[in-house]
C-alpha cells in the first residue's frame, strides 16, 4: 500500500517552515521521479539535500508529526515510482499537473518538469556509465523526454534554440498525454540497465570464483546488492533531522 497522500503532502508544503526550507512540492516530486528512473538506486539521504533551497541549513520543522508526514510522503512517492518501474507499469502523475485553457503548462507542471530535469542533470554521469555506446534507441528515449519537459517549461526558448527538434514534436496536448508513458519507459530502461549490469557482474564473479576458488579465504565475502527499496533503520532519516531513521520518522 502506498504511503503517498497528495492532499496530505500539499497541506504540509503550505506550512512556512517547509516553504522556507525546500523547493516547491511538484519540483521536489519531479526530481524524486528522475532519481527513481536512475540505473543506480539513490537513497533518500542523498536526494533529500537536492530538494532543499539551501542544503547547508538544516530544516526547522514545527513538530515531529510534520516531519513524519513530510518524509513518509516523499519517500512513499519514491518507493511508488521504483515499484512501478520495476514492474513495467505506467506511472500516474499528480492530478495538479495540467495544461491551461490556452494549452500552456500550468505552474505545477512547469515545476515538476524543472525538478525532473534537475535530477536528470545531477545523475547524468550515472546514465552515461550504464548506457551502451551502441544503443542509440536508449539514448533517444532519454533525449525525447528531456526535450518534451523543456518544452513545457519554456516552449519559445526550445523553438528558438532547437528548431529542428521542436518541429519534430507532436502538438503540446499529445506531448502531455504521452508524458506518463515516456517517464515510465525511461524508468523501465533504468531498471533494465541495472539488471543487465548485475547479470554481468554475477557472470564475472562466477567465472572468477571458479578459476580462483583456492585463492579465496573462508573469511572473505563477495559483495552483494541489497534488494531492499526501503530506508534502513540505521540510515540517516531522509527528513534531514540528522538522526537515524529508527529514532526519528520510523516511529
C-alpha atoms as a PDB file:
ATOM      1  CA  UNK A   1       0.000   0.000   0.000  1.00  0.00           C
ATOM      2  CA  UNK A   2       1.303   3.428  -0.961  1.00  0.00           C
ATOM      3  CA  UNK A   3       2.383   5.886   1.731  1.00  0.00           C
ATOM      4  CA  UNK A   4       1.951   8.812  -0.667  1.00  0.00           C
ATOM      5  CA  UNK A   5      -1.046  11.039   0.005  1.00  0.00           C
ATOM      6  CA  UNK A   6      -1.193  14.004  -2.351  1.00  0.00           C
ATOM      7  CA  UNK A   7      -3.609  16.095  -0.285  1.00  0.00           C
ATOM      8  CA  UNK A   8      -1.625  15.459   2.879  1.00  0.00           C
ATOM      9  CA  UNK A   9       1.700  16.471   1.372  1.00  0.00           C
ATOM     10  CA  UNK A  10       0.155  19.547  -0.290  1.00  0.00           C
ATOM     11  CA  UNK A  11      -1.014  20.755   3.127  1.00  0.00           C
ATOM     12  CA  UNK A  12       2.429  20.024   4.534  1.00  0.00           C
ATOM     13  CA  UNK A  13       4.147  22.097   1.833  1.00  0.00           C
ATOM     14  CA  UNK A  14       1.898  25.061   2.601  1.00  0.00           C
ATOM     15  CA  UNK A  15       3.497  25.469   6.029  1.00  0.00           C
ATOM     16  CA  UNK A  16       6.049  28.317   6.168  1.00  0.00           C
ATOM     17  CA  UNK A  17       8.669  26.031   7.730  1.00  0.00           C
ATOM     18  CA  UNK A  18       8.545  23.793   4.631  1.00  0.00           C
ATOM     19  CA  UNK A  19       8.238  26.635   2.126  1.00  0.00           C
ATOM     20  CA  UNK A  20      11.303  28.362   3.544  1.00  0.00           C
ATOM     21  CA  UNK A  21      13.488  25.251   3.524  1.00  0.00           C
ATOM     22  CA  UNK A  22      12.504  23.251   0.439  1.00  0.00           C
ATOM     23  CA  UNK A  23      11.717  23.763  -3.219  1.00  0.00           C
ATOM     24  CA  UNK A  24       8.086  23.663  -4.334  1.00  0.00           C
ATOM     25  CA  UNK A  25       6.215  20.370  -3.895  1.00  0.00           C
ATOM     26  CA  UNK A  26       5.969  19.487  -7.566  1.00  0.00           C
ATOM     27  CA  UNK A  27       9.564  20.436  -8.250  1.00  0.00           C
ATOM     28  CA  UNK A  28      10.510  18.024  -5.447  1.00  0.00           C
ATOM     29  CA  UNK A  29       8.321  15.267  -6.882  1.00  0.00           C
ATOM     30  CA  UNK A  30       9.833  15.824 -10.325  1.00  0.00           C
ATOM     31  CA  UNK A  31      13.364  15.421  -9.016  1.00  0.00           C
ATOM     32  CA  UNK A  32      12.430  12.342  -6.991  1.00  0.00           C
ATOM     33  CA  UNK A  33      10.820  10.807 -10.075  1.00  0.00           C
ATOM     34  CA  UNK A  34      14.013  11.378 -12.065  1.00  0.00           C
ATOM     35  CA  UNK A  35      16.025   9.793  -9.252  1.00  0.00           C
ATOM     36  CA  UNK A  36      13.754   6.733  -9.320  1.00  0.00           C
ATOM     37  CA  UNK A  37      14.415   6.210 -13.041  1.00  0.00           C
ATOM     38  CA  UNK A  38      18.180   6.002 -12.465  1.00  0.00           C
ATOM     39  CA  UNK A  39      20.034   2.744 -13.180  1.00  0.00           C
ATOM     40  CA  UNK A  40      21.582   3.125  -9.720  1.00  0.00           C
ATOM     41  CA  UNK A  41      19.439   3.298  -6.617  1.00  0.00           C
ATOM     42  CA  UNK A  42      19.960   6.676  -4.950  1.00  0.00           C
ATOM     43  CA  UNK A  43      18.854   6.566  -1.282  1.00  0.00           C
ATOM     44  CA  UNK A  44      16.693   9.331   0.227  1.00  0.00           C
ATOM     45  CA  UNK A  45      19.560  10.581   2.383  1.00  0.00           C
ATOM     46  CA  UNK A  46      21.300  11.627  -0.862  1.00  0.00           C
ATOM     47  CA  UNK A  47      18.439  13.112  -2.860  1.00  0.00           C
ATOM     48  CA  UNK A  48      16.877  14.914   0.106  1.00  0.00           C
ATOM     49  CA  UNK A  49      19.652  17.524   0.009  1.00  0.00           C
ATOM     50  CA  UNK A  50      18.823  18.187  -3.633  1.00  0.00           C
ATOM     51  CA  UNK A  51      15.301  19.381  -2.853  1.00  0.00           C
ATOM     52  CA  UNK A  52      16.397  21.872  -0.194  1.00  0.00           C
ATOM     53  CA  UNK A  53      16.710  25.532  -1.048  1.00  0.00           C
ATOM     54  CA  UNK A  54      19.951  25.651   0.929  1.00  0.00           C
ATOM     55  CA  UNK A  55      21.463  22.213   1.673  1.00  0.00           C
ATOM     56  CA  UNK A  56      23.833  23.751   4.210  1.00  0.00           C
ATOM     57  CA  UNK A  57      20.974  24.796   6.514  1.00  0.00           C
ATOM     58  CA  UNK A  58      19.009  22.119   8.388  1.00  0.00           C
ATOM     59  CA  UNK A  59      15.224  22.457   8.006  1.00  0.00           C
ATOM     60  CA  UNK A  60      13.245  23.680  11.002  1.00  0.00           C
ATOM     61  CA  UNK A  61      10.126  21.550  11.310  1.00  0.00           C
ATOM     62  CA  UNK A  62       7.255  22.627  13.522  1.00  0.00           C
ATOM     63  CA  UNK A  63       6.605  19.208  15.035  1.00  0.00           C
ATOM     64  CA  UNK A  64       7.552  15.564  14.923  1.00  0.00           C
ATOM     65  CA  UNK A  65       4.243  14.855  13.216  1.00  0.00           C
ATOM     66  CA  UNK A  66       5.140  17.300  10.443  1.00  0.00           C
ATOM     67  CA  UNK A  67       8.487  15.577   9.972  1.00  0.00           C
ATOM     68  CA  UNK A  68       6.777  12.225   9.698  1.00  0.00           C
ATOM     69  CA  UNK A  69       4.181  13.484   7.215  1.00  0.00           C
ATOM     70  CA  UNK A  70       6.856  15.168   5.115  1.00  0.00           C
ATOM     71  CA  UNK A  71       9.341  12.311   4.938  1.00  0.00           C
ATOM     72  CA  UNK A  72       6.863   9.429   4.691  1.00  0.00           C
ATOM     73  CA  UNK A  73       5.081  11.018   1.734  1.00  0.00           C
ATOM     74  CA  UNK A  74       8.217  11.896  -0.235  1.00  0.00           C
ATOM     75  CA  UNK A  75       9.806   8.511   0.432  1.00  0.00           C
ATOM     76  CA  UNK A  76       6.422   6.977  -0.373  1.00  0.00           C
ATOM     77  CA  UNK A  77       6.409   8.671  -3.800  1.00  0.00           C
ATOM     78  CA  UNK A  78       9.968   7.434  -4.405  1.00  0.00           C
ATOM     79  CA  UNK A  79       9.012   3.882  -3.445  1.00  0.00           C
ATOM     80  CA  UNK A  80       5.903   4.010  -5.640  1.00  0.00           C
ATOM     81  CA  UNK A  81       7.996   5.093  -8.627  1.00  0.00           C
ATOM     82  CA  UNK A  82      10.539   2.320  -8.036  1.00  0.00           C
ATOM     83  CA  UNK A  83       7.803  -0.296  -7.786  1.00  0.00           C
ATOM     84  CA  UNK A  84       6.050   0.945 -10.916  1.00  0.00           C
ATOM     85  CA  UNK A  85       9.238   0.927 -12.982  1.00  0.00           C
ATOM     86  CA  UNK A  86      10.338  -2.447 -11.595  1.00  0.00           C
ATOM     87  CA  UNK A  87       7.024  -3.994 -12.652  1.00  0.00           C
ATOM     88  CA  UNK A  88       6.870  -2.329 -16.060  1.00  0.00           C
ATOM     89  CA  UNK A  89       3.766  -0.302 -15.253  1.00  0.00           C
ATOM     90  CA  UNK A  90       2.760   3.230 -16.248  1.00  0.00           C
ATOM     91  CA  UNK A  91       3.144   5.973 -13.688  1.00  0.00           C
ATOM     92  CA  UNK A  92       0.180   8.110 -12.669  1.00  0.00           C
ATOM     93  CA  UNK A  93       1.336  11.683 -12.260  1.00  0.00           C
ATOM     94  CA  UNK A  94      -0.196  14.048  -9.667  1.00  0.00           C
ATOM     95  CA  UNK A  95      -3.526  15.393 -10.911  1.00  0.00           C
ATOM     96  CA  UNK A  96      -2.462  19.005 -10.365  1.00  0.00           C
ATOM     97  CA  UNK A  97      -0.123  18.701 -13.360  1.00  0.00           C
ATOM     98  CA  UNK A  98      -2.138  20.021 -16.292  1.00  0.00           C
ATOM     99  CA  UNK A  99      -2.386  22.271 -19.324  1.00  0.00           C
ATOM    100  CA  UNK A 100      -4.219  25.578 -19.124  1.00  0.00           C
ATOM    101  CA  UNK A 101      -7.190  26.526 -21.303  1.00  0.00           C
ATOM    102  CA  UNK A 102      -4.693  28.065 -23.746  1.00  0.00           C
ATOM    103  CA  UNK A 103      -2.659  24.825 -23.933  1.00  0.00           C
ATOM    104  CA  UNK A 104       0.204  26.061 -21.783  1.00  0.00           C
ATOM    105  CA  UNK A 105       1.811  24.146 -18.957  1.00  0.00           C
ATOM    106  CA  UNK A 106       0.407  25.241 -15.603  1.00  0.00           C
ATOM    107  CA  UNK A 107       2.658  26.166 -12.684  1.00  0.00           C
ATOM    108  CA  UNK A 108       2.658  22.659 -11.153  1.00  0.00           C
ATOM    109  CA  UNK A 109       3.601  21.039 -14.460  1.00  0.00           C
ATOM    110  CA  UNK A 110       6.435  23.512 -15.020  1.00  0.00           C
ATOM    111  CA  UNK A 111       7.743  22.883 -11.516  1.00  0.00           C
ATOM    112  CA  UNK A 112       7.613  19.116 -11.992  1.00  0.00           C
ATOM    113  CA  UNK A 113       9.478  19.340 -15.304  1.00  0.00           C
ATOM    114  CA  UNK A 114      12.075  21.664 -13.801  1.00  0.00           C
ATOM    115  CA  UNK A 115      12.664  19.256 -10.929  1.00  0.00           C
ATOM    116  CA  UNK A 116      12.885  16.242 -13.208  1.00  0.00           C
ATOM    117  CA  UNK A 117      15.452  17.899 -15.453  1.00  0.00           C
ATOM    118  CA  UNK A 118      17.471  18.989 -12.413  1.00  0.00           C
ATOM    119  CA  UNK A 119      17.519  15.393 -11.187  1.00  0.00           C
ATOM    120  CA  UNK A 120      18.442  14.105 -14.605  1.00  0.00           C
ATOM    121  CA  UNK A 121      21.318  16.582 -14.867  1.00  0.00           C
ATOM    122  CA  UNK A 122      22.550  15.572 -11.417  1.00  0.00           C
ATOM    123  CA  UNK A 123      22.584  11.897 -12.428  1.00  0.00           C
ATOM    124  CA  UNK A 124      23.822  12.344 -15.999  1.00  0.00           C
ATOM    125  CA  UNK A 125      27.144  10.641 -15.271  1.00  0.00           C
ATOM    126  CA  UNK A 126      25.306   7.638 -13.820  1.00  0.00           C
ATOM    127  CA  UNK A 127      23.335   7.261 -17.041  1.00  0.00           C
ATOM    128  CA  UNK A 128      26.458   7.647 -19.153  1.00  0.00           C
ATOM    129  CA  UNK A 129      28.118   4.856 -17.199  1.00  0.00           C
ATOM    130  CA  UNK A 130      25.296   2.412 -17.876  1.00  0.00           C
ATOM    131  CA  UNK A 131      24.154   3.341 -21.384  1.00  0.00           C
ATOM    132  CA  UNK A 132      25.740   1.117 -24.074  1.00  0.00           C
ATOM    133  CA  UNK A 133      27.709   3.071 -26.647  1.00  0.00           C
ATOM    134  CA  UNK A 134      25.922   1.316 -29.497  1.00  0.00           C
ATOM    135  CA  UNK A 135      22.364   1.724 -28.174  1.00  0.00           C
ATOM    136  CA  UNK A 136      21.077   4.850 -29.917  1.00  0.00           C
ATOM    137  CA  UNK A 137      17.461   3.915 -29.143  1.00  0.00           C
ATOM    138  CA  UNK A 138      18.052   4.120 -25.393  1.00  0.00           C
ATOM    139  CA  UNK A 139      19.789   7.481 -25.696  1.00  0.00           C
ATOM    140  CA  UNK A 140      16.981   8.764 -27.892  1.00  0.00           C
ATOM    141  CA  UNK A 141      14.380   7.806 -25.274  1.00  0.00           C
ATOM    142  CA  UNK A 142      16.155   9.992 -22.732  1.00  0.00           C
ATOM    143  CA  UNK A 143      16.583  12.852 -25.194  1.00  0.00           C
ATOM    144  CA  UNK A 144      12.939  12.870 -26.319  1.00  0.00           C
ATOM    145  CA  UNK A 145      11.688  13.009 -22.746  1.00  0.00           C
ATOM    146  CA  UNK A 146      14.080  15.826 -21.850  1.00  0.00           C
ATOM    147  CA  UNK A 147      13.051  17.832 -24.912  1.00  0.00           C
ATOM    148  CA  UNK A 148       9.356  17.494 -24.075  1.00  0.00           C
ATOM    149  CA  UNK A 149       9.994  18.510 -20.467  1.00  0.00           C
ATOM    150  CA  UNK A 150      11.942  21.550 -21.685  1.00  0.00           C
ATOM    151  CA  UNK A 151       9.006  22.414 -23.952  1.00  0.00           C
ATOM    152  CA  UNK A 152       6.629  22.555 -21.012  1.00  0.00           C
ATOM    153  CA  UNK A 153       8.985  24.874 -19.127  1.00  0.00           C
ATOM    154  CA  UNK A 154       9.636  27.345 -21.964  1.00  0.00           C
ATOM    155  CA  UNK A 155       8.224  26.484 -25.365  1.00  0.00           C
ATOM    156  CA  UNK A 156       9.512  29.617 -27.075  1.00  0.00           C
ATOM    157  CA  UNK A 157      13.068  29.058 -25.876  1.00  0.00           C
ATOM    158  CA  UNK A 158      13.016  25.490 -27.174  1.00  0.00           C
ATOM    159  CA  UNK A 159      11.618  26.578 -30.538  1.00  0.00           C
ATOM    160  CA  UNK A 160      14.287  29.267 -30.866  1.00  0.00           C
ATOM    161  CA  UNK A 161      17.241  27.168 -29.680  1.00  0.00           C
ATOM    162  CA  UNK A 162      16.316  23.767 -31.127  1.00  0.00           C
ATOM    163  CA  UNK A 163      14.028  24.472 -34.116  1.00  0.00           C
ATOM    164  CA  UNK A 164      14.646  21.136 -35.847  1.00  0.00           C
ATOM    165  CA  UNK A 165      13.888  19.093 -32.757  1.00  0.00           C
ATOM    166  CA  UNK A 166      10.947  21.303 -31.852  1.00  0.00           C
ATOM    167  CA  UNK A 167       9.322  20.863 -35.259  1.00  0.00           C
ATOM    168  CA  UNK A 168       9.547  17.082 -34.913  1.00  0.00           C
ATOM    169  CA  UNK A 169       7.439  17.077 -31.756  1.00  0.00           C
ATOM    170  CA  UNK A 170       3.686  16.425 -31.797  1.00  0.00           C
ATOM    171  CA  UNK A 171       1.394  19.176 -30.537  1.00  0.00           C
ATOM    172  CA  UNK A 172       1.608  20.061 -26.869  1.00  0.00           C
ATOM    173  CA  UNK A 173      -1.576  18.168 -25.945  1.00  0.00           C
ATOM    174  CA  UNK A 174      -0.142  14.955 -27.364  1.00  0.00           C
ATOM    175  CA  UNK A 175       3.140  15.631 -25.565  1.00  0.00           C
ATOM    176  CA  UNK A 176       1.279  15.990 -22.286  1.00  0.00           C
ATOM    177  CA  UNK A 177      -0.770  12.861 -22.938  1.00  0.00           C
ATOM    178  CA  UNK A 178       2.383  10.845 -23.620  1.00  0.00           C
ATOM    179  CA  UNK A 179       4.338  12.181 -20.617  1.00  0.00           C
ATOM    180  CA  UNK A 180       3.489   9.343 -18.162  1.00  0.00           C
ATOM    181  CA  UNK A 181       4.349   6.746 -20.808  1.00  0.00           C
ATOM    182  CA  UNK A 182       7.682   8.397 -21.632  1.00  0.00           C
ATOM    183  CA  UNK A 183       8.687   8.722 -17.978  1.00  0.00           C
ATOM    184  CA  UNK A 184       7.750   5.095 -17.354  1.00  0.00           C
ATOM    185  CA  UNK A 185       9.715   3.971 -20.403  1.00  0.00           C
ATOM    186  CA  UNK A 186      12.830   5.748 -19.097  1.00  0.00           C
ATOM    187  CA  UNK A 187      12.237   4.269 -15.642  1.00  0.00           C
ATOM    188  CA  UNK A 188      11.986   0.756 -17.089  1.00  0.00           C
ATOM    189  CA  UNK A 189      15.095   1.422 -19.162  1.00  0.00           C
ATOM    190  CA  UNK A 190      16.965   2.353 -15.985  1.00  0.00           C
ATOM    191  CA  UNK A 191      15.896  -0.880 -14.290  1.00  0.00           C
ATOM    192  CA  UNK A 192      16.834  -2.944 -17.360  1.00  0.00           C
ATOM    193  CA  UNK A 193      20.285  -1.368 -17.475  1.00  0.00           C
ATOM    194  CA  UNK A 194      20.716  -2.025 -13.762  1.00  0.00           C
ATOM    195  CA  UNK A 195      19.688  -5.668 -14.155  1.00  0.00           C
ATOM    196  CA  UNK A 196      21.994  -6.129 -17.132  1.00  0.00           C
ATOM    197  CA  UNK A 197      24.874  -4.698 -15.123  1.00  0.00           C
ATOM    198  CA  UNK A 198      24.101  -7.013 -12.195  1.00  0.00           C
ATOM    199  CA  UNK A 199      23.941 -10.011 -14.532  1.00  0.00           C
ATOM    200  CA  UNK A 200      27.328  -9.142 -15.982  1.00  0.00           C
ATOM    201  CA  UNK A 201      28.836  -8.728 -12.520  1.00  0.00           C
ATOM    202  CA  UNK A 202      27.401 -12.049 -11.382  1.00  0.00           C
ATOM    203  CA  UNK A 203      28.709 -13.750 -14.508  1.00  0.00           C
ATOM    204  CA  UNK A 204      32.183 -12.311 -13.991  1.00  0.00           C
ATOM    205  CA  UNK A 205      32.037 -13.207 -10.317  1.00  0.00           C
ATOM    206  CA  UNK A 206      31.101 -16.812 -11.076  1.00  0.00           C
ATOM    207  CA  UNK A 207      33.956 -17.139 -13.545  1.00  0.00           C
ATOM    208  CA  UNK A 208      36.390 -15.609 -11.090  1.00  0.00           C
ATOM    209  CA  UNK A 209      35.161 -17.855  -8.282  1.00  0.00           C
ATOM    210  CA  UNK A 210      35.573 -20.956 -10.432  1.00  0.00           C
ATOM    211  CA  UNK A 211      39.037 -20.039 -11.619  1.00  0.00           C
ATOM    212  CA  UNK A 212      40.349 -18.813  -8.282  1.00  0.00           C
ATOM    213  CA  UNK A 213      38.402 -20.785  -5.685  1.00  0.00           C
ATOM    214  CA  UNK A 214      41.559 -21.975  -3.989  1.00  0.00           C
ATOM    215  CA  UNK A 215      42.730 -18.396  -3.500  1.00  0.00           C
ATOM    216  CA  UNK A 216      39.616 -17.212  -1.658  1.00  0.00           C
ATOM    217  CA  UNK A 217      39.854 -17.375   2.111  1.00  0.00           C
ATOM    218  CA  UNK A 218      36.852 -18.636   4.087  1.00  0.00           C
ATOM    219  CA  UNK A 219      36.527 -15.291   5.867  1.00  0.00           C
ATOM    220  CA  UNK A 220      36.189 -13.335   2.623  1.00  0.00           C
ATOM    221  CA  UNK A 221      32.695 -12.385   1.452  1.00  0.00           C
ATOM    222  CA  UNK A 222      31.739 -11.255  -2.026  1.00  0.00           C
ATOM    223  CA  UNK A 223      29.704  -8.039  -2.037  1.00  0.00           C
ATOM    224  CA  UNK A 224      26.037  -8.313  -2.894  1.00  0.00           C
ATOM    225  CA  UNK A 225      23.497  -5.665  -3.832  1.00  0.00           C
ATOM    226  CA  UNK A 226      20.644  -5.203  -1.418  1.00  0.00           C
ATOM    227  CA  UNK A 227      17.224  -5.820  -2.930  1.00  0.00           C
ATOM    228  CA  UNK A 228      15.512  -3.652  -0.322  1.00  0.00           C
ATOM    229  CA  UNK A 229      13.873  -0.432  -1.521  1.00  0.00           C
ATOM    230  CA  UNK A 230      13.202   0.931   1.950  1.00  0.00           C
ATOM    231  CA  UNK A 231      15.282   3.210   4.119  1.00  0.00           C
ATOM    232  CA  UNK A 232      17.451   1.233   6.536  1.00  0.00           C
ATOM    233  CA  UNK A 233      16.723   1.538  10.255  1.00  0.00           C
ATOM    234  CA  UNK A 234      20.253   2.795  10.909  1.00  0.00           C
ATOM    235  CA  UNK A 235      20.370   5.107   7.883  1.00  0.00           C
ATOM    236  CA  UNK A 236      20.128   8.857   8.337  1.00  0.00           C
ATOM    237  CA  UNK A 237      16.478   9.856   8.344  1.00  0.00           C
ATOM    238  CA  UNK A 238      15.511  11.316   4.939  1.00  0.00           C
ATOM    239  CA  UNK A 239      13.715  14.195   6.658  1.00  0.00           C
ATOM    240  CA  UNK A 240      17.098  15.860   7.195  1.00  0.00           C
ATOM    241  CA  UNK A 241      16.965  15.899  11.001  1.00  0.00           C
ATOM    242  CA  UNK A 242      20.397  14.262  11.266  1.00  0.00           C
ATOM    243  CA  UNK A 243      19.003  11.448  13.401  1.00  0.00           C
ATOM    244  CA  UNK A 244      18.904   7.777  12.491  1.00  0.00           C
ATOM    245  CA  UNK A 245      15.680   6.687  10.796  1.00  0.00           C
ATOM    246  CA  UNK A 246      14.831   4.265  13.646  1.00  0.00           C
ATOM    247  CA  UNK A 247      14.941   7.129  16.174  1.00  0.00           C
ATOM    248  CA  UNK A 248      13.067   9.641  14.045  1.00  0.00           C
ATOM    249  CA  UNK A 249      10.347   9.100  11.452  1.00  0.00           C
ATOM    250  CA  UNK A 250      10.193   5.316  11.760  1.00  0.00           C
ATOM    251  CA  UNK A 251       8.201   5.798  14.984  1.00  0.00           C
END
